[in-house]
Full PDB file with SEQRES, HELIX, SHEET, SSBOND, CRYST1, ORIGX, SCALE, CONECT and MASTER records, all heavy atoms in Angstrom:
SEQRES   1 A   34  GLY GLY GLU ALA ALA LEU LEU ILE ALA ALA THR TYR PRO          
SEQRES   2 A   34  GLU ILE LYS ALA VAL VAL ALA GLY VAL PRO SER ASN VAL          
SEQRES   3 A   34  VAL TRP GLN SER ILE ASN PHE LYS                              
HELIX    1 AA1 GLY A    2  THR A   11  1                                  10    
CRYST1    1.000    1.000    1.000  90.00  90.00  90.00 P 1           1          
ORIGX1      1.000000  0.000000  0.000000        0.00000                         
ORIGX2      0.000000  1.000000  0.000000        0.00000                         
ORIGX3      0.000000  0.000000  1.000000        0.00000                         
SCALE1      1.000000  0.000000  0.000000        0.00000                         
SCALE2      0.000000  1.000000  0.000000        0.00000                         
SCALE3      0.000000  0.000000  1.000000        0.00000                         
ATOM      1  N   GLY A   1       0.810  -1.208   0.000  1.00  0.00           N  
ATOM      2  CA  GLY A   1       0.000   0.000   0.000  1.00  0.00           C  
ATOM      3  C   GLY A   1       0.845   1.260   0.000  1.00  0.00           C  
ATOM      4  O   GLY A   1       0.392   2.311  -0.469  1.00  0.00           O  
ATOM      5  N   GLY A   2       2.077   1.170   0.533  1.00  0.00           N  
ATOM      6  CA  GLY A   2       2.989   2.310   0.459  1.00  0.00           C  
ATOM      7  C   GLY A   2       3.433   2.574  -0.967  1.00  0.00           C  
ATOM      8  O   GLY A   2       3.553   3.724  -1.399  1.00  0.00           O  
ATOM      9  N   GLU A   3       3.699   1.490  -1.684  1.00  0.00           N  
ATOM     10  CA  GLU A   3       3.994   1.602  -3.121  1.00  0.00           C  
ATOM     11  C   GLU A   3       2.829   2.278  -3.829  1.00  0.00           C  
ATOM     12  O   GLU A   3       3.007   3.232  -4.606  1.00  0.00           O  
ATOM     13  CB  GLU A   3       4.224   0.210  -3.706  1.00  0.00           C  
ATOM     14  CG  GLU A   3       4.354   0.161  -5.218  1.00  0.00           C  
ATOM     15  CD  GLU A   3       4.379  -1.270  -5.741  1.00  0.00           C  
ATOM     16  OE1 GLU A   3       5.026  -2.142  -5.106  1.00  0.00           O  
ATOM     17  OE2 GLU A   3       3.752  -1.532  -6.787  1.00  0.00           O  
ATOM     18  N   ALA A   4       1.614   1.790  -3.549  1.00  0.00           N  
ATOM     19  CA  ALA A   4       0.418   2.340  -4.183  1.00  0.00           C  
ATOM     20  C   ALA A   4       0.207   3.805  -3.811  1.00  0.00           C  
ATOM     21  O   ALA A   4      -0.144   4.630  -4.667  1.00  0.00           O  
ATOM     22  CB  ALA A   4      -0.806   1.524  -3.797  1.00  0.00           C  
ATOM     23  N   ALA A   5       0.411   4.153  -2.539  1.00  0.00           N  
ATOM     24  CA  ALA A   5       0.179   5.519  -2.085  1.00  0.00           C  
ATOM     25  C   ALA A   5       1.049   6.514  -2.850  1.00  0.00           C  
ATOM     26  O   ALA A   5       0.570   7.576  -3.283  1.00  0.00           O  
ATOM     27  CB  ALA A   5       0.454   5.627  -0.585  1.00  0.00           C  
ATOM     28  N   LEU A   6       2.322   6.184  -3.037  1.00  0.00           N  
ATOM     29  CA  LEU A   6       3.216   7.079  -3.783  1.00  0.00           C  
ATOM     30  C   LEU A   6       2.788   7.171  -5.245  1.00  0.00           C  
ATOM     31  O   LEU A   6       2.785   8.254  -5.842  1.00  0.00           O  
ATOM     32  CB  LEU A   6       4.655   6.588  -3.674  1.00  0.00           C  
ATOM     33  CG  LEU A   6       5.284   6.665  -2.277  1.00  0.00           C  
ATOM     34  CD1 LEU A   6       6.654   5.983  -2.274  1.00  0.00           C  
ATOM     35  CD2 LEU A   6       5.411   8.113  -1.815  1.00  0.00           C  
ATOM     36  N   LEU A   7       2.423   6.038  -5.831  1.00  0.00           N  
ATOM     37  CA  LEU A   7       2.011   6.016  -7.232  1.00  0.00           C  
ATOM     38  C   LEU A   7       0.710   6.794  -7.437  1.00  0.00           C  
ATOM     39  O   LEU A   7       0.578   7.572  -8.399  1.00  0.00           O  
ATOM     40  CB  LEU A   7       1.838   4.565  -7.681  1.00  0.00           C  
ATOM     41  CG  LEU A   7       1.419   4.335  -9.141  1.00  0.00           C  
ATOM     42  CD1 LEU A   7       2.486   4.869 -10.092  1.00  0.00           C  
ATOM     43  CD2 LEU A   7       1.164   2.852  -9.391  1.00  0.00           C  
ATOM     44  N   ILE A   8      -0.253   6.599  -6.544  1.00  0.00           N  
ATOM     45  CA  ILE A   8      -1.538   7.285  -6.653  1.00  0.00           C  
ATOM     46  C   ILE A   8      -1.365   8.789  -6.492  1.00  0.00           C  
ATOM     47  O   ILE A   8      -1.931   9.586  -7.258  1.00  0.00           O  
ATOM     48  CB  ILE A   8      -2.516   6.728  -5.599  1.00  0.00           C  
ATOM     49  CG1 ILE A   8      -2.886   5.279  -5.956  1.00  0.00           C  
ATOM     50  CG2 ILE A   8      -3.773   7.585  -5.480  1.00  0.00           C  
ATOM     51  CD1 ILE A   8      -3.429   4.489  -4.788  1.00  0.00           C  
ATOM     52  N   ALA A   9      -0.572   9.203  -5.506  1.00  0.00           N  
ATOM     53  CA  ALA A   9      -0.351  10.632  -5.287  1.00  0.00           C  
ATOM     54  C   ALA A   9       0.395  11.272  -6.453  1.00  0.00           C  
ATOM     55  O   ALA A   9       0.182  12.441  -6.775  1.00  0.00           O  
ATOM     56  CB  ALA A   9       0.414  10.851  -3.988  1.00  0.00           C  
ATOM     57  N   ALA A  10       1.284  10.506  -7.092  1.00  0.00           N  
ATOM     58  CA  ALA A  10       2.006  11.017  -8.257  1.00  0.00           C  
ATOM     59  C   ALA A  10       1.107  11.107  -9.480  1.00  0.00           C  
ATOM     60  O   ALA A  10       1.423  11.809 -10.440  1.00  0.00           O  
ATOM     61  CB  ALA A  10       3.206  10.124  -8.560  1.00  0.00           C  
ATOM     62  N   THR A  11      -0.012  10.399  -9.443  1.00  0.00           N  
ATOM     63  CA  THR A  11      -0.940  10.359 -10.578  1.00  0.00           C  
ATOM     64  C   THR A  11      -2.079  11.360 -10.432  1.00  0.00           C  
ATOM     65  O   THR A  11      -2.505  11.976 -11.418  1.00  0.00           O  
ATOM     66  CB  THR A  11      -1.519   8.937 -10.742  1.00  0.00           C  
ATOM     67  OG1 THR A  11      -0.450   7.999 -10.862  1.00  0.00           O  
ATOM     68  CG2 THR A  11      -2.416   8.838 -11.968  1.00  0.00           C  
ATOM     69  N   TYR A  12      -2.558  11.535  -9.202  1.00  0.00           N  
ATOM     70  CA  TYR A  12      -3.735  12.369  -8.973  1.00  0.00           C  
ATOM     71  C   TYR A  12      -3.383  13.552  -8.076  1.00  0.00           C  
ATOM     72  O   TYR A  12      -3.114  13.386  -6.881  1.00  0.00           O  
ATOM     73  CB  TYR A  12      -4.849  11.536  -8.350  1.00  0.00           C  
ATOM     74  CG  TYR A  12      -5.290  10.403  -9.258  1.00  0.00           C  
ATOM     75  CD1 TYR A  12      -5.082   9.066  -8.893  1.00  0.00           C  
ATOM     76  CD2 TYR A  12      -5.893  10.669 -10.478  1.00  0.00           C  
ATOM     77  CE1 TYR A  12      -5.480   8.028  -9.729  1.00  0.00           C  
ATOM     78  CE2 TYR A  12      -6.283   9.638 -11.332  1.00  0.00           C  
ATOM     79  CZ  TYR A  12      -6.069   8.321 -10.949  1.00  0.00           C  
ATOM     80  OH  TYR A  12      -6.448   7.301 -11.785  1.00  0.00           O  
ATOM     81  N   PRO A  13      -3.403  14.771  -8.621  1.00  0.00           N  
ATOM     82  CA  PRO A  13      -2.970  15.964  -7.873  1.00  0.00           C  
ATOM     83  C   PRO A  13      -3.907  16.360  -6.742  1.00  0.00           C  
ATOM     84  O   PRO A  13      -3.562  17.234  -5.948  1.00  0.00           O  
ATOM     85  CB  PRO A  13      -2.932  17.051  -8.958  1.00  0.00           C  
ATOM     86  CG  PRO A  13      -3.871  16.573 -10.019  1.00  0.00           C  
ATOM     87  CD  PRO A  13      -3.761  15.085 -10.017  1.00  0.00           C  
ATOM     88  N   GLU A  14      -5.063  15.711  -6.636  1.00  0.00           N  
ATOM     89  CA  GLU A  14      -5.960  16.015  -5.525  1.00  0.00           C  
ATOM     90  C   GLU A  14      -5.367  15.633  -4.180  1.00  0.00           C  
ATOM     91  O   GLU A  14      -5.768  16.165  -3.137  1.00  0.00           O  
ATOM     92  CB  GLU A  14      -7.300  15.281  -5.711  1.00  0.00           C  
ATOM     93  CG  GLU A  14      -8.098  15.719  -6.917  1.00  0.00           C  
ATOM     94  CD  GLU A  14      -7.779  14.914  -8.171  1.00  0.00           C  
ATOM     95  OE1 GLU A  14      -6.706  14.266  -8.206  1.00  0.00           O  
ATOM     96  OE2 GLU A  14      -8.592  14.926  -9.099  1.00  0.00           O  
ATOM     97  N   ILE A  15      -4.402  14.715  -4.188  1.00  0.00           N  
ATOM     98  CA  ILE A  15      -3.762  14.286  -2.944  1.00  0.00           C  
ATOM     99  C   ILE A  15      -2.706  15.311  -2.543  1.00  0.00           C  
ATOM    100  O   ILE A  15      -1.773  15.585  -3.296  1.00  0.00           O  
ATOM    101  CB  ILE A  15      -3.118  12.892  -3.112  1.00  0.00           C  
ATOM    102  CG1 ILE A  15      -4.179  11.857  -3.514  1.00  0.00           C  
ATOM    103  CG2 ILE A  15      -2.410  12.471  -1.833  1.00  0.00           C  
ATOM    104  CD1 ILE A  15      -5.317  11.719  -2.536  1.00  0.00           C  
ATOM    105  N   LYS A  16      -2.838  15.857  -1.339  1.00  0.00           N  
ATOM    106  CA  LYS A  16      -1.975  16.948  -0.892  1.00  0.00           C  
ATOM    107  C   LYS A  16      -0.975  16.540   0.187  1.00  0.00           C  
ATOM    108  O   LYS A  16      -0.205  17.378   0.662  1.00  0.00           O  
ATOM    109  CB  LYS A  16      -2.836  18.104  -0.381  1.00  0.00           C  
ATOM    110  CG  LYS A  16      -3.804  18.650  -1.426  1.00  0.00           C  
ATOM    111  CD  LYS A  16      -3.079  19.126  -2.687  1.00  0.00           C  
ATOM    112  CE  LYS A  16      -4.062  19.673  -3.723  1.00  0.00           C  
ATOM    113  NZ  LYS A  16      -3.367  20.044  -4.989  1.00  0.00           N  
ATOM    114  N   ALA A  17      -0.977  15.282   0.573  1.00  0.00           N  
ATOM    115  CA  ALA A  17       0.027  14.769   1.509  1.00  0.00           C  
ATOM    116  C   ALA A  17       0.001  13.249   1.442  1.00  0.00           C  
ATOM    117  O   ALA A  17      -1.052  12.646   1.223  1.00  0.00           O  
ATOM    118  CB  ALA A  17      -0.240  15.234   2.935  1.00  0.00           C  
ATOM    119  N   VAL A  18       1.175  12.640   1.629  1.00  0.00           N  
ATOM    120  CA  VAL A  18       1.291  11.188   1.544  1.00  0.00           C  
ATOM    121  C   VAL A  18       2.106  10.667   2.721  1.00  0.00           C  
ATOM    122  O   VAL A  18       3.168  11.210   3.039  1.00  0.00           O  
ATOM    123  CB  VAL A  18       2.003  10.741   0.248  1.00  0.00           C  
ATOM    124  CG1 VAL A  18       1.987   9.220   0.132  1.00  0.00           C  
ATOM    125  CG2 VAL A  18       1.371  11.371  -0.967  1.00  0.00           C  
ATOM    126  N   VAL A  19       1.607   9.601   3.349  1.00  0.00           N  
ATOM    127  CA  VAL A  19       2.394   8.850   4.324  1.00  0.00           C  
ATOM    128  C   VAL A  19       2.552   7.439   3.768  1.00  0.00           C  
ATOM    129  O   VAL A  19       1.556   6.735   3.550  1.00  0.00           O  
ATOM    130  CB  VAL A  19       1.701   8.796   5.700  1.00  0.00           C  
ATOM    131  CG1 VAL A  19       2.551   7.981   6.682  1.00  0.00           C  
ATOM    132  CG2 VAL A  19       1.452  10.197   6.237  1.00  0.00           C  
ATOM    133  N   ALA A  20       3.791   7.040   3.521  1.00  0.00           N  
ATOM    134  CA  ALA A  20       4.067   5.727   2.938  1.00  0.00           C  
ATOM    135  C   ALA A  20       4.936   4.931   3.903  1.00  0.00           C  
ATOM    136  O   ALA A  20       6.095   5.270   4.130  1.00  0.00           O  
ATOM    137  CB  ALA A  20       4.753   5.869   1.584  1.00  0.00           C  
ATOM    138  N   GLY A  21       4.357   3.870   4.461  1.00  0.00           N  
ATOM    139  CA  GLY A  21       5.108   3.021   5.380  1.00  0.00           C  
ATOM    140  C   GLY A  21       5.790   1.891   4.638  1.00  0.00           C  
ATOM    141  O   GLY A  21       5.190   1.260   3.759  1.00  0.00           O  
ATOM    142  N   VAL A  22       7.029   1.631   4.979  1.00  0.00           N  
ATOM    143  CA  VAL A  22       7.872   0.606   4.345  1.00  0.00           C  
ATOM    144  C   VAL A  22       7.537   0.474   2.855  1.00  0.00           C  
ATOM    145  O   VAL A  22       7.163  -0.601   2.377  1.00  0.00           O  
ATOM    146  CB  VAL A  22       7.783  -0.754   5.075  1.00  0.00           C  
ATOM    147  CG1 VAL A  22       8.469  -0.684   6.415  1.00  0.00           C  
ATOM    148  CG2 VAL A  22       6.334  -1.235   5.276  1.00  0.00           C  
ATOM    149  N   PRO A  23       7.695   1.558   2.093  1.00  0.00           N  
ATOM    150  CA  PRO A  23       7.220   1.578   0.712  1.00  0.00           C  
ATOM    151  C   PRO A  23       8.272   1.120  -0.284  1.00  0.00           C  
ATOM    152  O   PRO A  23       9.392   0.746   0.072  1.00  0.00           O  
ATOM    153  CB  PRO A  23       6.920   3.059   0.498  1.00  0.00           C  
ATOM    154  CG  PRO A  23       8.020   3.742   1.274  1.00  0.00           C  
ATOM    155  CD  PRO A  23       8.255   2.865   2.485  1.00  0.00           C  
ATOM    156  N   SER A  24       7.880   1.188  -1.544  1.00  0.00           N  
ATOM    157  CA  SER A  24       8.782   0.909  -2.661  1.00  0.00           C  
ATOM    158  C   SER A  24       8.935   2.161  -3.510  1.00  0.00           C  
ATOM    159  O   SER A  24       8.018   2.978  -3.593  1.00  0.00           O  
ATOM    160  CB  SER A  24       8.223  -0.224  -3.524  1.00  0.00           C  
ATOM    161  OG  SER A  24       8.956  -0.343  -4.728  1.00  0.00           O  
ATOM    162  N   ASN A  25      10.077   2.293  -4.136  1.00  0.00           N  
ATOM    163  CA  ASN A  25      10.292   3.396  -5.082  1.00  0.00           C  
ATOM    164  C   ASN A  25       9.911   3.006  -6.501  1.00  0.00           C  
ATOM    165  O   ASN A  25       9.917   3.846  -7.400  1.00  0.00           O  
ATOM    166  CB  ASN A  25      11.757   3.839  -5.061  1.00  0.00           C  
ATOM    167  CG  ASN A  25      12.691   2.771  -5.595  1.00  0.00           C  
ATOM    168  OD1 ASN A  25      12.628   1.610  -5.181  1.00  0.00           O  
ATOM    169  ND2 ASN A  25      13.571   3.134  -6.521  1.00  0.00           N  
ATOM    170  N   VAL A  26       9.582   1.718  -6.710  1.00  0.00           N  
ATOM    171  CA  VAL A  26       9.212   1.225  -8.035  1.00  0.00           C  
ATOM    172  C   VAL A  26       7.904   0.452  -7.950  1.00  0.00           C  
ATOM    173  O   VAL A  26       7.482   0.019  -6.876  1.00  0.00           O  
ATOM    174  CB  VAL A  26      10.299   0.298  -8.633  1.00  0.00           C  
ATOM    175  CG1 VAL A  26      11.617   1.037  -8.796  1.00  0.00           C  
ATOM    176  CG2 VAL A  26      10.472  -0.959  -7.784  1.00  0.00           C  
ATOM    177  N   VAL A  27       7.279   0.271  -9.100  1.00  0.00           N  
ATOM    178  CA  VAL A  27       6.143  -0.632  -9.207  1.00  0.00           C  
ATOM    179  C   VAL A  27       6.676  -2.049  -9.350  1.00  0.00           C  
ATOM    180  O   VAL A  27       7.549  -2.312 -10.184  1.00  0.00           O  
ATOM    181  CB  VAL A  27       5.270  -0.269 -10.424  1.00  0.00           C  
ATOM    182  CG1 VAL A  27       4.241  -1.353 -10.694  1.00  0.00           C  
ATOM    183  CG2 VAL A  27       4.593   1.081 -10.207  1.00  0.00           C  
ATOM    184  N   TRP A  28       6.135  -2.957  -8.548  1.00  0.00           N  
ATOM    185  CA  TRP A  28       6.587  -4.340  -8.572  1.00  0.00           C  
ATOM    186  C   TRP A  28       5.591  -5.251  -9.286  1.00  0.00           C  
ATOM    187  O   TRP A  28       4.430  -4.890  -9.510  1.00  0.00           O  
ATOM    188  CB  TRP A  28       6.790  -4.870  -7.149  1.00  0.00           C  
ATOM    189  CG  TRP A  28       8.042  -4.378  -6.514  1.00  0.00           C  
ATOM    190  CD1 TRP A  28       8.155  -3.356  -5.604  1.00  0.00           C  
ATOM    191  CD2 TRP A  28       9.372  -4.849  -6.742  1.00  0.00           C  
ATOM    192  NE1 TRP A  28       9.475  -3.175  -5.252  1.00  0.00           N  
ATOM    193  CE2 TRP A  28      10.243  -4.084  -5.940  1.00  0.00           C  
ATOM    194  CE3 TRP A  28       9.904  -5.846  -7.540  1.00  0.00           C  
ATOM    195  CZ2 TRP A  28      11.618  -4.277  -5.910  1.00  0.00           C  
ATOM    196  CZ3 TRP A  28      11.276  -6.057  -7.525  1.00  0.00           C  
ATOM    197  CH2 TRP A  28      12.124  -5.280  -6.711  1.00  0.00           C  
ATOM    198  N   GLN A  29       6.063  -6.415  -9.607  1.00  0.00           N  
ATOM    199  CA  GLN A  29       5.223  -7.472 -10.173  1.00  0.00           C  
ATOM    200  C   GLN A  29       4.049  -7.763  -9.243  1.00  0.00           C  
ATOM    201  O   GLN A  29       4.132  -7.597  -8.025  1.00  0.00           O  
ATOM    202  CB  GLN A  29       6.071  -8.730 -10.355  1.00  0.00           C  
ATOM    203  CG  GLN A  29       5.333  -9.948 -10.882  1.00  0.00           C  
ATOM    204  CD  GLN A  29       6.235 -11.159 -10.983  1.00  0.00           C  
ATOM    205  OE1 GLN A  29       7.410 -11.039 -11.305  1.00  0.00           O  
ATOM    206  NE2 GLN A  29       5.695 -12.335 -10.704  1.00  0.00           N  
ATOM    207  N   SER A  30       2.959  -8.209  -9.827  1.00  0.00           N  
ATOM    208  CA  SER A  30       1.762  -8.538  -9.058  1.00  0.00           C  
ATOM    209  C   SER A  30       1.992  -9.761  -8.162  1.00  0.00           C  
ATOM    210  O   SER A  30       2.974 -10.489  -8.315  1.00  0.00           O  
ATOM    211  CB  SER A  30       0.602  -8.820 -10.012  1.00  0.00           C  
ATOM    212  OG  SER A  30       0.909  -9.950 -10.818  1.00  0.00           O  
ATOM    213  N   ILE A  31       1.044  -9.973  -7.263  1.00  0.00           N  
ATOM    214  CA  ILE A  31       1.062 -11.144  -6.388  1.00  0.00           C  
ATOM    215  C   ILE A  31      -0.215 -11.924  -6.651  1.00  0.00           C  
ATOM    216  O   ILE A  31      -1.315 -11.486  -6.298  1.00  0.00           O  
ATOM    217  CB  ILE A  31       1.156 -10.735  -4.909  1.00  0.00           C  
ATOM    218  CG1 ILE A  31       2.411  -9.918  -4.651  1.00  0.00           C  
ATOM    219  CG2 ILE A  31       1.130 -11.970  -4.016  1.00  0.00           C  
ATOM    220  CD1 ILE A  31       2.516  -9.346  -3.247  1.00  0.00           C  
ATOM    221  N   ASN A  32      -0.074 -13.070  -7.290  1.00  0.00           N  
ATOM    222  CA  ASN A  32      -1.223 -13.882  -7.675  1.00  0.00           C  
ATOM    223  C   ASN A  32      -0.985 -15.315  -7.206  1.00  0.00           C  
ATOM    224  O   ASN A  32      -0.030 -15.967  -7.631  1.00  0.00           O  
ATOM    225  CB  ASN A  32      -1.414 -13.850  -9.196  1.00  0.00           C  
ATOM    226  CG  ASN A  32      -2.694 -14.540  -9.650  1.00  0.00           C  
ATOM    227  OD1 ASN A  32      -3.127 -15.530  -9.062  1.00  0.00           O  
ATOM    228  ND2 ASN A  32      -3.307 -14.010 -10.696  1.00  0.00           N  
ATOM    229  N   PHE A  33      -1.854 -15.823  -6.340  1.00  0.00           N  
ATOM    230  CA  PHE A  33      -1.659 -17.146  -5.763  1.00  0.00           C  
ATOM    231  C   PHE A  33      -2.420 -18.250  -6.498  1.00  0.00           C  
ATOM    232  O   PHE A  33      -2.236 -19.410  -6.206  1.00  0.00           O  
ATOM    233  CB  PHE A  33      -2.052 -17.131  -4.285  1.00  0.00           C  
ATOM    234  CG  PHE A  33      -1.118 -16.286  -3.464  1.00  0.00           C  
ATOM    235  CD1 PHE A  33      -1.515 -15.027  -3.053  1.00  0.00           C  
ATOM    236  CD2 PHE A  33       0.149 -16.717  -3.151  1.00  0.00           C  
ATOM    237  CE1 PHE A  33      -0.659 -14.231  -2.314  1.00  0.00           C  
ATOM    238  CE2 PHE A  33       1.011 -15.930  -2.418  1.00  0.00           C  
ATOM    239  CZ  PHE A  33       0.609 -14.680  -2.001  1.00  0.00           C  
ATOM    240  N   LYS A  34      -3.261 -17.845  -7.447  1.00  0.00           N  
ATOM    241  CA  LYS A  34      -3.978 -18.845  -8.220  1.00  0.00           C  
ATOM    242  C   LYS A  34      -3.222 -19.213  -9.489  1.00  0.00           C  
ATOM    243  O   LYS A  34      -3.230 -20.352  -9.929  1.00  0.00           O  
ATOM    244  CB  LYS A  34      -5.377 -18.338  -8.565  1.00  0.00           C  
ATOM    245  CG  LYS A  34      -6.330 -18.348  -7.387  1.00  0.00           C  
ATOM    246  CD  LYS A  34      -7.762 -18.156  -7.838  1.00  0.00           C  
ATOM    247  CE  LYS A  34      -8.726 -18.320  -6.671  1.00  0.00           C  
ATOM    248  NZ  LYS A  34     -10.133 -18.149  -7.097  1.00  0.00           N  
TER     249      LYS A  34                                                      
MASTER        0    0    0    1    0    0    0    6  248    1    0    3          
END                                                                             
């Protein structure tokens, strides 16, 4: 969710502050267990 928070805030200017816990600086591969 920290990865997502940074990506979402970088995409949508309506977000005026971001808190990203243990985040990523890149978009990672998906996680699919099926």
